[in-house]
Each structure stands twice: as C-alpha cells, then as structure tokens.
Amino acid sequence: MQAAIDPIGSRPGHRVGAQSLGPFPATTAKEADRMRTPFFYATGYRTQEAAADAIDDMFCDGEIDRADCPQVKSYTARNGKRRWGVELSR
C-alpha cells in the first residue's frame, strides 16, 4: 500500500498562498546581502586601472549595475603573474 503524498501547505508550519516560501523563513535585505557569494565576472587585466576601466564600460553597456557590487580584485594567474579581475556579488 502506498502512502499518500502530503502537498506542500497542508502540513503544520507551511503557509499557503502567494507569499508562501515553503518551509524556509523569509529573509530580510540585510540577510540577503550577507548571503551574496562573490565571483569573478571578468579576469586577465594586466593593471588595476584596466580593470577599473572595464567596470565603467560594463556599466555603460548595461552588463552590470550597482546592485552587483563590482570590485577590482587581484589574483595570481597560473603562470605566477599578478592579474586583476572584476568581482561581483549577486
């Protein structure tokens, strides 16, 4: 005999309706900022200024916006040289 599957929202603790987010509590804007994971969007710039100019170009082209929190970060490439990249946090 198969057990009946309980649809989401019929169990205690689950809300039903347009604002239902399942069993997880809603996050505030402050919590959402802390949950952002930074990642490199563009890499390989030889100077910090070139990476900063690339951010300006990305803003002009509409690729990124202020909400992405762009930053210029340095890293060491596989060949051991220092390079710069554009890091975003979404």
C-alpha atoms as a PDB file:
ATOM      1  CA  MET A   1       0.000   0.000   0.000  1.00  0.00           C
ATOM      2  CA  GLN A   2       1.343   3.392  -0.995  1.00  0.00           C
ATOM      3  CA  ALA A   3       1.384   6.273   1.456  1.00  0.00           C
ATOM      4  CA  ALA A   4      -0.484   9.399   0.419  1.00  0.00           C
ATOM      5  CA  ILE A   5       1.773  12.292  -0.540  1.00  0.00           C
ATOM      6  CA  ASP A   6       1.189  15.382   1.531  1.00  0.00           C
ATOM      7  CA  PRO A   7       1.004  18.503  -0.707  1.00  0.00           C
ATOM      8  CA  ILE A   8       3.067  21.461   0.452  1.00  0.00           C
ATOM      9  CA  GLY A   9       0.978  23.770   2.552  1.00  0.00           C
ATOM     10  CA  SER A  10      -1.154  21.098   4.181  1.00  0.00           C
ATOM     11  CA  ARG A  11       1.405  20.302   6.892  1.00  0.00           C
ATOM     12  CA  PRO A  12       1.706  22.439  10.024  1.00  0.00           C
ATOM     13  CA  GLY A  13       4.256  25.211   9.643  1.00  0.00           C
ATOM     14  CA  HIS A  14       3.704  25.648   5.912  1.00  0.00           C
ATOM     15  CA  ARG A  15       1.922  28.692   4.590  1.00  0.00           C
ATOM     16  CA  VAL A  16      -0.276  28.556   1.520  1.00  0.00           C
ATOM     17  CA  GLY A  17      -0.776  31.454  -0.846  1.00  0.00           C
ATOM     18  CA  ALA A  18       1.127  33.967  -2.902  1.00  0.00           C
ATOM     19  CA  GLN A  19       3.559  34.724  -0.093  1.00  0.00           C
ATOM     20  CA  SER A  20       4.414  31.112   0.669  1.00  0.00           C
ATOM     21  CA  LEU A  21       8.124  30.414   0.543  1.00  0.00           C
ATOM     22  CA  GLY A  22       7.901  26.822   1.653  1.00  0.00           C
ATOM     23  CA  PRO A  23       9.366  25.735   4.971  1.00  0.00           C
ATOM     24  CA  PHE A  24      12.061  28.452   4.914  1.00  0.00           C
ATOM     25  CA  PRO A  25      11.587  31.797   6.636  1.00  0.00           C
ATOM     26  CA  ALA A  26      11.646  34.974   4.568  1.00  0.00           C
ATOM     27  CA  THR A  27      14.998  36.770   4.556  1.00  0.00           C
ATOM     28  CA  THR A  28      15.491  40.438   5.177  1.00  0.00           C
ATOM     29  CA  ALA A  29      17.531  42.673   2.882  1.00  0.00           C
ATOM     30  CA  LYS A  30      20.381  42.673   5.396  1.00  0.00           C
ATOM     31  CA  GLU A  31      20.456  38.863   5.496  1.00  0.00           C
ATOM     32  CA  ALA A  32      20.326  38.714   1.696  1.00  0.00           C
ATOM     33  CA  ASP A  33      23.419  40.964   1.495  1.00  0.00           C
ATOM     34  CA  ARG A  34      25.312  38.595   3.778  1.00  0.00           C
ATOM     35  CA  MET A  35      24.326  35.591   1.651  1.00  0.00           C
ATOM     36  CA  ARG A  36      25.862  37.004  -1.538  1.00  0.00           C
ATOM     37  CA  THR A  37      28.652  34.913  -2.958  1.00  0.00           C
ATOM     38  CA  PRO A  38      31.436  36.851  -4.677  1.00  0.00           C
ATOM     39  CA  PHE A  39      32.702  35.539  -8.012  1.00  0.00           C
ATOM     40  CA  PHE A  40      34.986  36.777 -10.785  1.00  0.00           C
ATOM     41  CA  TYR A  41      32.957  38.108 -13.709  1.00  0.00           C
ATOM     42  CA  ALA A  42      35.944  39.132 -15.850  1.00  0.00           C
ATOM     43  CA  THR A  43      39.633  38.315 -15.423  1.00  0.00           C
ATOM     44  CA  GLY A  44      43.000  38.749 -17.087  1.00  0.00           C
ATOM     45  CA  TYR A  45      43.567  42.503 -16.825  1.00  0.00           C
ATOM     46  CA  ARG A  46      47.239  43.401 -16.535  1.00  0.00           C
ATOM     47  CA  THR A  47      46.679  46.565 -14.496  1.00  0.00           C
ATOM     48  CA  GLN A  48      44.270  47.727 -11.831  1.00  0.00           C
ATOM     49  CA  GLU A  49      43.368  50.724 -13.986  1.00  0.00           C
ATOM     50  CA  ALA A  50      42.416  48.490 -16.921  1.00  0.00           C
ATOM     51  CA  ALA A  51      40.048  46.513 -14.683  1.00  0.00           C
ATOM     52  CA  ALA A  52      38.508  49.748 -13.348  1.00  0.00           C
ATOM     53  CA  ASP A  53      38.019  50.987 -16.930  1.00  0.00           C
ATOM     54  CA  ALA A  54      36.357  47.675 -17.772  1.00  0.00           C
ATOM     55  CA  ILE A  55      33.871  48.212 -14.921  1.00  0.00           C
ATOM     56  CA  ASP A  56      32.998  51.626 -16.381  1.00  0.00           C
ATOM     57  CA  ASP A  57      32.469  50.060 -19.802  1.00  0.00           C
ATOM     58  CA  MET A  58      30.297  47.309 -18.296  1.00  0.00           C
ATOM     59  CA  PHE A  59      28.130  49.961 -16.603  1.00  0.00           C
ATOM     60  CA  CYS A  60      27.755  51.850 -19.896  1.00  0.00           C
ATOM     61  CA  ASP A  61      26.852  48.679 -21.811  1.00  0.00           C
ATOM     62  CA  GLY A  62      24.302  47.666 -19.160  1.00  0.00           C
ATOM     63  CA  GLU A  63      26.076  44.374 -18.398  1.00  0.00           C
ATOM     64  CA  ILE A  64      26.217  45.125 -14.669  1.00  0.00           C
ATOM     65  CA  ASP A  65      24.698  47.623 -12.264  1.00  0.00           C
ATOM     66  CA  ARG A  66      25.428  48.960  -8.769  1.00  0.00           C
ATOM     67  CA  ALA A  67      23.420  46.146  -7.169  1.00  0.00           C
ATOM     68  CA  ASP A  68      26.082  43.674  -8.360  1.00  0.00           C
ATOM     69  CA  CYS A  69      28.648  45.405  -6.090  1.00  0.00           C
ATOM     70  CA  PRO A  70      31.541  45.339  -8.596  1.00  0.00           C
ATOM     71  CA  GLN A  71      35.067  45.448  -7.200  1.00  0.00           C
ATOM     72  CA  VAL A  72      38.539  45.238  -8.674  1.00  0.00           C
ATOM     73  CA  LYS A  73      40.472  42.340  -7.108  1.00  0.00           C
ATOM     74  CA  SER A  74      43.943  40.979  -7.735  1.00  0.00           C
ATOM     75  CA  TYR A  75      44.832  37.308  -8.083  1.00  0.00           C
ATOM     76  CA  THR A  76      47.785  35.183  -9.134  1.00  0.00           C
ATOM     77  CA  ALA A  77      47.445  33.610 -12.570  1.00  0.00           C
ATOM     78  CA  ARG A  78      48.594  30.086 -13.388  1.00  0.00           C
ATOM     79  CA  ASN A  79      51.834  31.433 -14.818  1.00  0.00           C
ATOM     80  CA  GLY A  80      52.605  33.075 -11.447  1.00  0.00           C
ATOM     81  CA  LYS A  81      51.970  36.651 -12.594  1.00  0.00           C
ATOM     82  CA  ARG A  82      49.693  39.079 -10.828  1.00  0.00           C
ATOM     83  CA  ARG A  83      46.495  39.882 -12.687  1.00  0.00           C
ATOM     84  CA  TRP A  84      43.357  41.885 -11.929  1.00  0.00           C
ATOM     85  CA  GLY A  85      39.719  40.949 -12.301  1.00  0.00           C
ATOM     86  CA  VAL A  86      36.218  42.274 -11.801  1.00  0.00           C
ATOM     87  CA  GLU A  87      34.458  40.580  -8.886  1.00  0.00           C
ATOM     88  CA  LEU A  88      30.675  40.700  -8.476  1.00  0.00           C
ATOM     89  CA  SER A  89      28.475  39.723  -5.534  1.00  0.00           C
ATOM     90  CA  ARG A  90      24.976  38.632  -6.506  1.00  0.00           C
END
